[in-house]
């Protein structure tokens, strides 16, 4: 067996995380067995509930939303 340690996970920022490509990217990260760590998510704000769920599931440290009206729903 090799004495090399596992490589550190790569930090990932997902822009447009609630869209089709963003959700697929998060699926890839979820199935990559510790190879990636989501550090930030960003979205337009039309699906604040999904963005909040993604943040909770990934442990993203930073969440950005373009629509200021979505901020209260996101904070809930």
PDB file of N, CA and C in Angstrom:
ATOM      1  N   UNK A   1       0.826  -1.186   0.000  1.00  0.00           N
ATOM      2  CA  UNK A   1       0.000   0.000   0.000  1.00  0.00           C
ATOM      3  C   UNK A   1       0.864   1.240   0.000  1.00  0.00           C
ATOM      4  N   UNK A   2       0.345   2.276  -0.573  1.00  0.00           N
ATOM      5  CA  UNK A   2       1.047   3.540  -0.662  1.00  0.00           C
ATOM      6  C   UNK A   2       0.872   4.320   0.632  1.00  0.00           C
ATOM      7  N   UNK A   3       1.899   5.045   1.019  1.00  0.00           N
ATOM      8  CA  UNK A   3       1.817   5.854   2.230  1.00  0.00           C
ATOM      9  C   UNK A   3       1.382   7.286   1.923  1.00  0.00           C
ATOM     10  N   UNK A   4       1.011   7.557   0.671  1.00  0.00           N
ATOM     11  CA  UNK A   4       0.580   8.897   0.298  1.00  0.00           C
ATOM     12  C   UNK A   4      -0.780   9.189   0.911  1.00  0.00           C
ATOM     13  N   UNK A   5      -0.953  10.423   1.356  1.00  0.00           N
ATOM     14  CA  UNK A   5      -2.244  10.815   1.910  1.00  0.00           C
ATOM     15  C   UNK A   5      -3.189  11.208   0.779  1.00  0.00           C
ATOM     16  N   UNK A   6      -4.465  11.223   1.086  1.00  0.00           N
ATOM     17  CA  UNK A   6      -5.472  11.609   0.099  1.00  0.00           C
ATOM     18  C   UNK A   6      -5.311  13.080  -0.238  1.00  0.00           C
ATOM     19  N   UNK A   7      -5.515  13.433  -1.498  1.00  0.00           N
ATOM     20  CA  UNK A   7      -5.425  14.846  -1.853  1.00  0.00           C
ATOM     21  C   UNK A   7      -6.565  15.636  -1.202  1.00  0.00           C
ATOM     22  N   UNK A   8      -6.305  16.894  -0.922  1.00  0.00           N
ATOM     23  CA  UNK A   8      -7.323  17.767  -0.349  1.00  0.00           C
ATOM     24  C   UNK A   8      -8.422  18.006  -1.387  1.00  0.00           C
ATOM     25  N   UNK A   9      -9.669  18.132  -0.937  1.00  0.00           N
ATOM     26  CA  UNK A   9     -10.741  18.406  -1.896  1.00  0.00           C
ATOM     27  C   UNK A   9     -10.564  19.786  -2.529  1.00  0.00           C
ATOM     28  N   UNK A  10     -10.941  19.887  -3.785  1.00  0.00           N
ATOM     29  CA  UNK A  10     -10.869  21.167  -4.490  1.00  0.00           C
ATOM     30  C   UNK A  10     -12.071  22.014  -4.127  1.00  0.00           C
ATOM     31  N   UNK A  11     -11.843  23.299  -3.897  1.00  0.00           N
ATOM     32  CA  UNK A  11     -12.928  24.225  -3.600  1.00  0.00           C
ATOM     33  C   UNK A  11     -13.652  24.583  -4.895  1.00  0.00           C
ATOM     34  N   UNK A  12     -14.982  24.629  -4.807  1.00  0.00           N
ATOM     35  CA  UNK A  12     -15.813  24.895  -5.978  1.00  0.00           C
ATOM     36  C   UNK A  12     -16.813  25.998  -5.655  1.00  0.00           C
ATOM     37  N   UNK A  13     -17.002  26.911  -6.599  1.00  0.00           N
ATOM     38  CA  UNK A  13     -18.047  27.927  -6.536  1.00  0.00           C
ATOM     39  C   UNK A  13     -18.992  27.624  -7.688  1.00  0.00           C
ATOM     40  N   UNK A  14     -20.283  27.512  -7.395  1.00  0.00           N
ATOM     41  CA  UNK A  14     -21.261  27.208  -8.440  1.00  0.00           C
ATOM     42  C   UNK A  14     -22.121  28.440  -8.682  1.00  0.00           C
ATOM     43  N   UNK A  15     -21.979  29.006  -9.863  1.00  0.00           N
ATOM     44  CA  UNK A  15     -22.787  30.154 -10.274  1.00  0.00           C
ATOM     45  C   UNK A  15     -24.017  29.626 -11.001  1.00  0.00           C
ATOM     46  N   UNK A  16     -25.164  30.197 -10.713  1.00  0.00           N
ATOM     47  CA  UNK A  16     -26.392  29.705 -11.320  1.00  0.00           C
ATOM     48  C   UNK A  16     -26.766  28.341 -10.785  1.00  0.00           C
ATOM     49  N   UNK A  17     -26.590  28.155  -9.488  1.00  0.00           N
ATOM     50  CA  UNK A  17     -26.744  26.828  -8.888  1.00  0.00           C
ATOM     51  C   UNK A  17     -28.157  26.266  -8.968  1.00  0.00           C
ATOM     52  N   UNK A  18     -29.174  27.111  -9.103  1.00  0.00           N
ATOM     53  CA  UNK A  18     -30.541  26.609  -9.148  1.00  0.00           C
ATOM     54  C   UNK A  18     -31.013  26.305 -10.565  1.00  0.00           C
ATOM     55  N   UNK A  19     -30.204  26.611 -11.547  1.00  0.00           N
ATOM     56  CA  UNK A  19     -30.551  26.308 -12.932  1.00  0.00           C
ATOM     57  C   UNK A  19     -30.199  24.878 -13.293  1.00  0.00           C
ATOM     58  N   UNK A  20     -30.509  24.502 -14.507  1.00  0.00           N
ATOM     59  CA  UNK A  20     -30.294  23.136 -14.974  1.00  0.00           C
ATOM     60  C   UNK A  20     -28.832  22.701 -14.862  1.00  0.00           C
ATOM     61  N   UNK A  21     -27.924  23.509 -15.375  1.00  0.00           N
ATOM     62  CA  UNK A  21     -26.506  23.152 -15.340  1.00  0.00           C
ATOM     63  C   UNK A  21     -25.971  23.206 -13.913  1.00  0.00           C
ATOM     64  N   UNK A  22     -26.420  24.183 -13.132  1.00  0.00           N
ATOM     65  CA  UNK A  22     -25.972  24.288 -11.746  1.00  0.00           C
ATOM     66  C   UNK A  22     -26.383  23.095 -10.910  1.00  0.00           C
ATOM     67  N   UNK A  23     -27.632  22.649 -11.065  1.00  0.00           N
ATOM     68  CA  UNK A  23     -28.079  21.492 -10.292  1.00  0.00           C
ATOM     69  C   UNK A  23     -27.337  20.229 -10.726  1.00  0.00           C
ATOM     70  N   UNK A  24     -27.044  20.121 -12.021  1.00  0.00           N
ATOM     71  CA  UNK A  24     -26.275  18.969 -12.497  1.00  0.00           C
ATOM     72  C   UNK A  24     -24.845  19.007 -11.952  1.00  0.00           C
ATOM     73  N   UNK A  25     -24.261  20.195 -11.892  1.00  0.00           N
ATOM     74  CA  UNK A  25     -22.910  20.326 -11.340  1.00  0.00           C
ATOM     75  C   UNK A  25     -22.894  19.902  -9.873  1.00  0.00           C
ATOM     76  N   UNK A  26     -23.910  20.285  -9.123  1.00  0.00           N
ATOM     77  CA  UNK A  26     -23.980  19.893  -7.716  1.00  0.00           C
ATOM     78  C   UNK A  26     -24.188  18.387  -7.572  1.00  0.00           C
ATOM     79  N   UNK A  27     -24.909  17.770  -8.504  1.00  0.00           N
ATOM     80  CA  UNK A  27     -25.048  16.307  -8.494  1.00  0.00           C
ATOM     81  C   UNK A  27     -23.691  15.636  -8.695  1.00  0.00           C
ATOM     82  N   UNK A  28     -22.900  16.164  -9.615  1.00  0.00           N
ATOM     83  CA  UNK A  28     -21.564  15.609  -9.864  1.00  0.00           C
ATOM     84  C   UNK A  28     -20.712  15.729  -8.605  1.00  0.00           C
ATOM     85  N   UNK A  29     -20.739  16.901  -7.971  1.00  0.00           N
ATOM     86  CA  UNK A  29     -19.970  17.117  -6.738  1.00  0.00           C
ATOM     87  C   UNK A  29     -20.417  16.140  -5.658  1.00  0.00           C
ATOM     88  N   UNK A  30     -21.724  15.942  -5.529  1.00  0.00           N
ATOM     89  CA  UNK A  30     -22.252  15.049  -4.496  1.00  0.00           C
ATOM     90  C   UNK A  30     -21.804  13.604  -4.705  1.00  0.00           C
ATOM     91  N   UNK A  31     -21.619  13.207  -5.944  1.00  0.00           N
ATOM     92  CA  UNK A  31     -21.231  11.826  -6.245  1.00  0.00           C
ATOM     93  C   UNK A  31     -19.722  11.647  -6.399  1.00  0.00           C
ATOM     94  N   UNK A  32     -18.953  12.680  -6.158  1.00  0.00           N
ATOM     95  CA  UNK A  32     -17.505  12.624  -6.377  1.00  0.00           C
ATOM     96  C   UNK A  32     -16.723  12.202  -5.132  1.00  0.00           C
ATOM     97  N   UNK A  33     -17.379  11.716  -4.134  1.00  0.00           N
ATOM     98  CA  UNK A  33     -16.747  11.144  -2.941  1.00  0.00           C
ATOM     99  C   UNK A  33     -15.612  11.972  -2.350  1.00  0.00           C
ATOM    100  N   UNK A  34     -15.927  13.192  -1.933  1.00  0.00           N
ATOM    101  CA  UNK A  34     -14.949  14.006  -1.231  1.00  0.00           C
ATOM    102  C   UNK A  34     -13.896  14.680  -2.091  1.00  0.00           C
ATOM    103  N   UNK A  35     -14.029  14.627  -3.395  1.00  0.00           N
ATOM    104  CA  UNK A  35     -13.041  15.265  -4.266  1.00  0.00           C
ATOM    105  C   UNK A  35     -13.241  16.777  -4.353  1.00  0.00           C
ATOM    106  N   UNK A  36     -14.467  17.250  -4.039  1.00  0.00           N
ATOM    107  CA  UNK A  36     -14.779  18.674  -4.142  1.00  0.00           C
ATOM    108  C   UNK A  36     -15.454  19.147  -2.868  1.00  0.00           C
ATOM    109  N   UNK A  37     -15.307  20.446  -2.600  1.00  0.00           N
ATOM    110  CA  UNK A  37     -15.966  21.095  -1.470  1.00  0.00           C
ATOM    111  C   UNK A  37     -16.600  22.370  -1.991  1.00  0.00           C
ATOM    112  N   UNK A  38     -17.914  22.482  -1.880  1.00  0.00           N
ATOM    113  CA  UNK A  38     -18.622  23.673  -2.353  1.00  0.00           C
ATOM    114  C   UNK A  38     -18.412  24.774  -1.326  1.00  0.00           C
ATOM    115  N   UNK A  39     -17.786  25.863  -1.762  1.00  0.00           N
ATOM    116  CA  UNK A  39     -17.535  26.975  -0.847  1.00  0.00           C
ATOM    117  C   UNK A  39     -18.514  28.116  -1.036  1.00  0.00           C
ATOM    118  N   UNK A  40     -19.121  28.219  -2.234  1.00  0.00           N
ATOM    119  CA  UNK A  40     -20.061  29.302  -2.483  1.00  0.00           C
ATOM    120  C   UNK A  40     -21.061  28.913  -3.561  1.00  0.00           C
ATOM    121  N   UNK A  41     -22.264  29.478  -3.419  1.00  0.00           N
ATOM    122  CA  UNK A  41     -23.329  29.291  -4.387  1.00  0.00           C
ATOM    123  C   UNK A  41     -23.867  30.654  -4.768  1.00  0.00           C
ATOM    124  N   UNK A  42     -24.308  30.795  -6.012  1.00  0.00           N
ATOM    125  CA  UNK A  42     -24.933  32.039  -6.454  1.00  0.00           C
ATOM    126  C   UNK A  42     -26.074  31.694  -7.392  1.00  0.00           C
ATOM    127  N   UNK A  43     -27.140  32.500  -7.312  1.00  0.00           N
ATOM    128  CA  UNK A  43     -28.296  32.294  -8.177  1.00  0.00           C
ATOM    129  C   UNK A  43     -29.022  33.614  -8.360  1.00  0.00           C
ATOM    130  N   UNK A  44     -29.953  33.616  -9.300  1.00  0.00           N
ATOM    131  CA  UNK A  44     -30.720  34.818  -9.599  1.00  0.00           C
ATOM    132  C   UNK A  44     -31.705  35.195  -8.517  1.00  0.00           C
ATOM    133  N   UNK A  45     -32.324  34.213  -7.895  1.00  0.00           N
ATOM    134  CA  UNK A  45     -33.253  34.476  -6.806  1.00  0.00           C
ATOM    135  C   UNK A  45     -34.661  34.001  -7.047  1.00  0.00           C
ATOM    136  N   UNK A  46     -34.945  33.488  -8.222  1.00  0.00           N
ATOM    137  CA  UNK A  46     -36.285  33.011  -8.516  1.00  0.00           C
ATOM    138  C   UNK A  46     -36.665  31.756  -7.749  1.00  0.00           C
ATOM    139  N   UNK A  47     -35.664  31.031  -7.258  1.00  0.00           N
ATOM    140  CA  UNK A  47     -35.918  29.780  -6.513  1.00  0.00           C
ATOM    141  C   UNK A  47     -35.130  29.803  -5.203  1.00  0.00           C
ATOM    142  N   UNK A  48     -35.455  30.770  -4.360  1.00  0.00           N
ATOM    143  CA  UNK A  48     -34.732  30.945  -3.094  1.00  0.00           C
ATOM    144  C   UNK A  48     -34.821  29.708  -2.217  1.00  0.00           C
ATOM    145  N   UNK A  49     -35.943  28.991  -2.262  1.00  0.00           N
ATOM    146  CA  UNK A  49     -36.083  27.782  -1.461  1.00  0.00           C
ATOM    147  C   UNK A  49     -35.069  26.722  -1.872  1.00  0.00           C
ATOM    148  N   UNK A  50     -34.865  26.557  -3.177  1.00  0.00           N
ATOM    149  CA  UNK A  50     -33.886  25.590  -3.674  1.00  0.00           C
ATOM    150  C   UNK A  50     -32.467  26.035  -3.320  1.00  0.00           C
ATOM    151  N   UNK A  51     -32.185  27.314  -3.460  1.00  0.00           N
ATOM    152  CA  UNK A  51     -30.855  27.835  -3.124  1.00  0.00           C
ATOM    153  C   UNK A  51     -30.558  27.606  -1.649  1.00  0.00           C
ATOM    154  N   UNK A  52     -31.532  27.853  -0.791  1.00  0.00           N
ATOM    155  CA  UNK A  52     -31.341  27.624   0.649  1.00  0.00           C
ATOM    156  C   UNK A  52     -31.086  26.145   0.933  1.00  0.00           C
ATOM    157  N   UNK A  53     -31.825  25.264   0.275  1.00  0.00           N
ATOM    158  CA  UNK A  53     -31.632  23.820   0.464  1.00  0.00           C
ATOM    159  C   UNK A  53     -30.250  23.391  -0.011  1.00  0.00           C
ATOM    160  N   UNK A  54     -29.824  23.923  -1.164  1.00  0.00           N
ATOM    161  CA  UNK A  54     -28.487  23.610  -1.673  1.00  0.00           C
ATOM    162  C   UNK A  54     -27.413  24.055  -0.691  1.00  0.00           C
ATOM    163  N   UNK A  55     -27.577  25.240  -0.130  1.00  0.00           N
ATOM    164  CA  UNK A  55     -26.591  25.755   0.825  1.00  0.00           C
ATOM    165  C   UNK A  55     -26.511  24.852   2.054  1.00  0.00           C
ATOM    166  N   UNK A  56     -27.662  24.420   2.543  1.00  0.00           N
ATOM    167  CA  UNK A  56     -27.679  23.543   3.714  1.00  0.00           C
ATOM    168  C   UNK A  56     -27.051  22.188   3.397  1.00  0.00           C
ATOM    169  N   UNK A  57     -27.353  21.645   2.233  1.00  0.00           N
ATOM    170  CA  UNK A  57     -26.844  20.324   1.860  1.00  0.00           C
ATOM    171  C   UNK A  57     -25.345  20.313   1.580  1.00  0.00           C
ATOM    172  N   UNK A  58     -24.837  21.399   0.997  1.00  0.00           N
ATOM    173  CA  UNK A  58     -23.424  21.432   0.615  1.00  0.00           C
ATOM    174  C   UNK A  58     -22.530  22.024   1.694  1.00  0.00           C
ATOM    175  N   UNK A  59     -23.122  22.783   2.618  1.00  0.00           N
ATOM    176  CA  UNK A  59     -22.319  23.459   3.625  1.00  0.00           C
ATOM    177  C   UNK A  59     -21.590  24.675   3.070  1.00  0.00           C
ATOM    178  N   UNK A  60     -22.099  25.220   1.975  1.00  0.00           N
ATOM    179  CA  UNK A  60     -21.475  26.400   1.358  1.00  0.00           C
ATOM    180  C   UNK A  60     -21.364  27.531   2.383  1.00  0.00           C
ATOM    181  N   UNK A  61     -20.189  28.137   2.440  1.00  0.00           N
ATOM    182  CA  UNK A  61     -19.938  29.217   3.399  1.00  0.00           C
ATOM    183  C   UNK A  61     -20.520  30.548   2.930  1.00  0.00           C
ATOM    184  N   UNK A  62     -20.649  30.718   1.616  1.00  0.00           N
ATOM    185  CA  UNK A  62     -21.130  31.969   1.043  1.00  0.00           C
ATOM    186  C   UNK A  62     -22.259  31.674   0.067  1.00  0.00           C
ATOM    187  N   UNK A  63     -23.329  32.473   0.163  1.00  0.00           N
ATOM    188  CA  UNK A  63     -24.461  32.351  -0.755  1.00  0.00           C
ATOM    189  C   UNK A  63     -24.792  33.746  -1.251  1.00  0.00           C
ATOM    190  N   UNK A  64     -24.904  33.880  -2.572  1.00  0.00           N
ATOM    191  CA  UNK A  64     -25.237  35.178  -3.174  1.00  0.00           C
ATOM    192  C   UNK A  64     -26.491  35.031  -4.013  1.00  0.00           C
ATOM    193  N   UNK A  65     -27.314  36.067  -3.984  1.00  0.00           N
ATOM    194  CA  UNK A  65     -28.544  36.070  -4.777  1.00  0.00           C
ATOM    195  C   UNK A  65     -28.656  37.437  -5.453  1.00  0.00           C
ATOM    196  N   UNK A  66     -29.007  37.440  -6.740  1.00  0.00           N
ATOM    197  CA  UNK A  66     -29.070  38.689  -7.507  1.00  0.00           C
ATOM    198  C   UNK A  66     -30.296  39.527  -7.174  1.00  0.00           C
ATOM    199  N   UNK A  67     -31.396  38.889  -6.838  1.00  0.00           N
ATOM    200  CA  UNK A  67     -32.647  39.605  -6.569  1.00  0.00           C
ATOM    201  C   UNK A  67     -32.753  39.911  -5.085  1.00  0.00           C
ATOM    202  N   UNK A  68     -32.652  41.180  -4.710  1.00  0.00           N
ATOM    203  CA  UNK A  68     -32.733  41.541  -3.287  1.00  0.00           C
ATOM    204  C   UNK A  68     -34.043  41.111  -2.627  1.00  0.00           C
ATOM    205  N   UNK A  69     -35.106  40.988  -3.400  1.00  0.00           N
ATOM    206  CA  UNK A  69     -36.394  40.573  -2.844  1.00  0.00           C
ATOM    207  C   UNK A  69     -36.376  39.131  -2.364  1.00  0.00           C
ATOM    208  N   UNK A  70     -35.404  38.335  -2.830  1.00  0.00           N
ATOM    209  CA  UNK A  70     -35.307  36.926  -2.433  1.00  0.00           C
ATOM    210  C   UNK A  70     -34.560  36.736  -1.119  1.00  0.00           C
ATOM    211  N   UNK A  71     -33.909  37.765  -0.628  1.00  0.00           N
ATOM    212  CA  UNK A  71     -33.076  37.651   0.573  1.00  0.00           C
ATOM    213  C   UNK A  71     -33.870  37.187   1.791  1.00  0.00           C
ATOM    214  N   UNK A  72     -35.034  37.756   2.088  1.00  0.00           N
ATOM    215  CA  UNK A  72     -35.779  37.283   3.279  1.00  0.00           C
ATOM    216  C   UNK A  72     -36.120  35.788   3.210  1.00  0.00           C
ATOM    217  N   UNK A  73     -36.564  35.307   2.066  1.00  0.00           N
ATOM    218  CA  UNK A  73     -36.880  33.885   1.921  1.00  0.00           C
ATOM    219  C   UNK A  73     -35.643  33.029   2.061  1.00  0.00           C
ATOM    220  N   UNK A  74     -34.533  33.505   1.571  1.00  0.00           N
ATOM    221  CA  UNK A  74     -33.277  32.767   1.656  1.00  0.00           C
ATOM    222  C   UNK A  74     -32.809  32.669   3.107  1.00  0.00           C
ATOM    223  N   UNK A  75     -32.983  33.721   3.868  1.00  0.00           N
ATOM    224  CA  UNK A  75     -32.552  33.717   5.268  1.00  0.00           C
ATOM    225  C   UNK A  75     -33.390  32.790   6.136  1.00  0.00           C
ATOM    226  N   UNK A  76     -34.650  32.575   5.744  1.00  0.00           N
ATOM    227  CA  UNK A  76     -35.521  31.665   6.508  1.00  0.00           C
ATOM    228  C   UNK A  76     -34.977  30.276   6.404  1.00  0.00           C
TER     229      UNK A  76
END
